[in-house]
Amino acid sequence: MHAATSYELRGNTLRFVRSLLGLAGFVIVSALVCGCTSLQEYIHNGFKVGPNYGRPSAPVANDWIDADDQQRRLPADCDQPGNC
């Protein structure tokens, strides 16, 4: 094995930097392309992720379906955390 010359070291360094820049570019492009919204919509929404919230069209009950079931209730002394 021979000692690497400065030309070989410089070439290896340039290949490494190009690979790193290529990987960074790939990650950035993937993040922009794979998003659920367009970049314009993302900026318009104030850089928030997710859909625009709206009230659900289905009716929602005021109480839990088993609210009156005595078997599902906690004992009276469990009203505060740490009491049970």
Protein backbone atom coordinates (compact mmCIF):
# COMPACT_ATOMS: atom_id res chain seq x y z
CA MET A 1 0.00 0.00 0.00
CA HIS A 2 1.33 3.44 -0.81
CA ALA A 3 0.85 6.71 1.02
CA ALA A 4 -1.95 8.88 -0.36
CA THR A 5 -0.85 11.99 -2.17
CA SER A 6 -2.41 15.37 -1.53
CA TYR A 7 -4.15 15.11 -4.91
CA GLU A 8 -5.81 11.84 -3.89
CA LEU A 9 -6.83 13.24 -0.51
CA ARG A 10 -8.30 16.33 -2.14
CA GLY A 11 -10.25 14.17 -4.58
CA ASN A 12 -11.63 12.04 -1.74
CA THR A 13 -12.63 15.16 0.18
CA LEU A 14 -14.39 16.63 -2.85
CA ARG A 15 -16.25 13.35 -3.45
CA PHE A 16 -17.34 13.31 0.20
CA VAL A 17 -18.55 16.93 0.06
CA ARG A 18 -20.43 16.28 -3.19
CA SER A 19 -22.05 13.20 -1.69
CA LEU A 20 -23.05 15.13 1.41
CA LEU A 21 -24.52 17.98 -0.65
CA GLY A 22 -26.35 15.48 -2.84
CA LEU A 23 -27.82 13.78 0.21
CA ALA A 24 -28.86 17.12 1.72
CA GLY A 25 -30.49 18.13 -1.58
CA PHE A 26 -32.32 14.81 -1.77
CA VAL A 27 -33.67 15.22 1.77
CA ILE A 28 -34.84 18.78 1.11
CA VAL A 29 -36.53 17.90 -2.18
CA SER A 30 -38.16 14.83 -0.61
CA ALA A 31 -39.52 16.91 2.27
CA LEU A 32 -40.98 19.48 -0.13
CA VAL A 33 -42.48 16.95 -2.53
CA CYS A 34 -43.86 14.50 0.03
CA GLY A 35 -45.81 17.04 2.05
CA CYS A 36 -49.59 17.03 2.31
CA THR A 37 -49.92 20.65 1.25
CA SER A 38 -48.23 22.87 -1.25
CA LEU A 39 -45.56 25.30 -0.13
CA GLN A 40 -47.90 28.21 -0.92
CA GLU A 41 -50.67 26.75 1.27
CA TYR A 42 -48.16 26.02 4.06
CA ILE A 43 -47.07 29.68 4.07
CA HIS A 44 -50.69 30.91 3.80
CA ASN A 45 -51.63 28.82 6.88
CA GLY A 46 -48.94 30.53 8.94
CA PHE A 47 -46.48 27.58 8.77
CA LYS A 48 -48.93 25.27 10.53
CA VAL A 49 -49.02 21.59 9.71
CA GLY A 50 -52.33 19.83 9.18
CA PRO A 51 -55.64 20.50 7.53
CA ASN A 52 -57.76 23.54 8.16
CA TYR A 53 -60.02 22.62 11.05
CA GLY A 54 -63.75 22.73 10.62
CA ARG A 55 -66.64 21.50 12.73
CA PRO A 56 -67.45 17.86 12.04
CA SER A 57 -70.60 17.36 10.01
CA ALA A 58 -71.71 14.41 12.15
CA PRO A 59 -73.61 15.08 15.38
CA VAL A 60 -71.54 14.67 18.55
CA ALA A 61 -73.04 13.52 21.85
CA ASN A 62 -72.79 15.78 24.90
CA ASP A 63 -72.04 12.89 27.26
CA TRP A 64 -70.04 9.70 27.05
CA ILE A 65 -72.21 6.71 26.12
CA ASP A 66 -71.53 4.92 29.44
CA ALA A 67 -71.71 8.01 31.65
CA ASP A 68 -74.55 6.57 33.78
CA ASP A 69 -73.08 3.06 34.12
CA GLN A 70 -72.21 2.59 37.81
CA GLN A 71 -69.66 -0.14 37.04
CA ARG A 72 -67.57 2.33 35.08
CA ARG A 73 -67.41 4.98 37.81
CA LEU A 74 -64.42 5.47 40.07
CA PRO A 75 -64.84 5.28 43.85
CA ALA A 76 -65.62 8.62 45.52
CA ASP A 77 -62.16 8.85 47.09
CA CYS A 78 -60.51 8.74 43.63
CA ASP A 79 -61.61 12.25 42.70
CA GLN A 80 -58.04 13.62 43.00
CA PRO A 81 -54.88 12.17 41.49
CA GLY A 82 -52.92 10.17 44.02
CA ASN A 83 -55.94 9.28 46.18
CA CYS A 84 -56.47 5.84 44.59
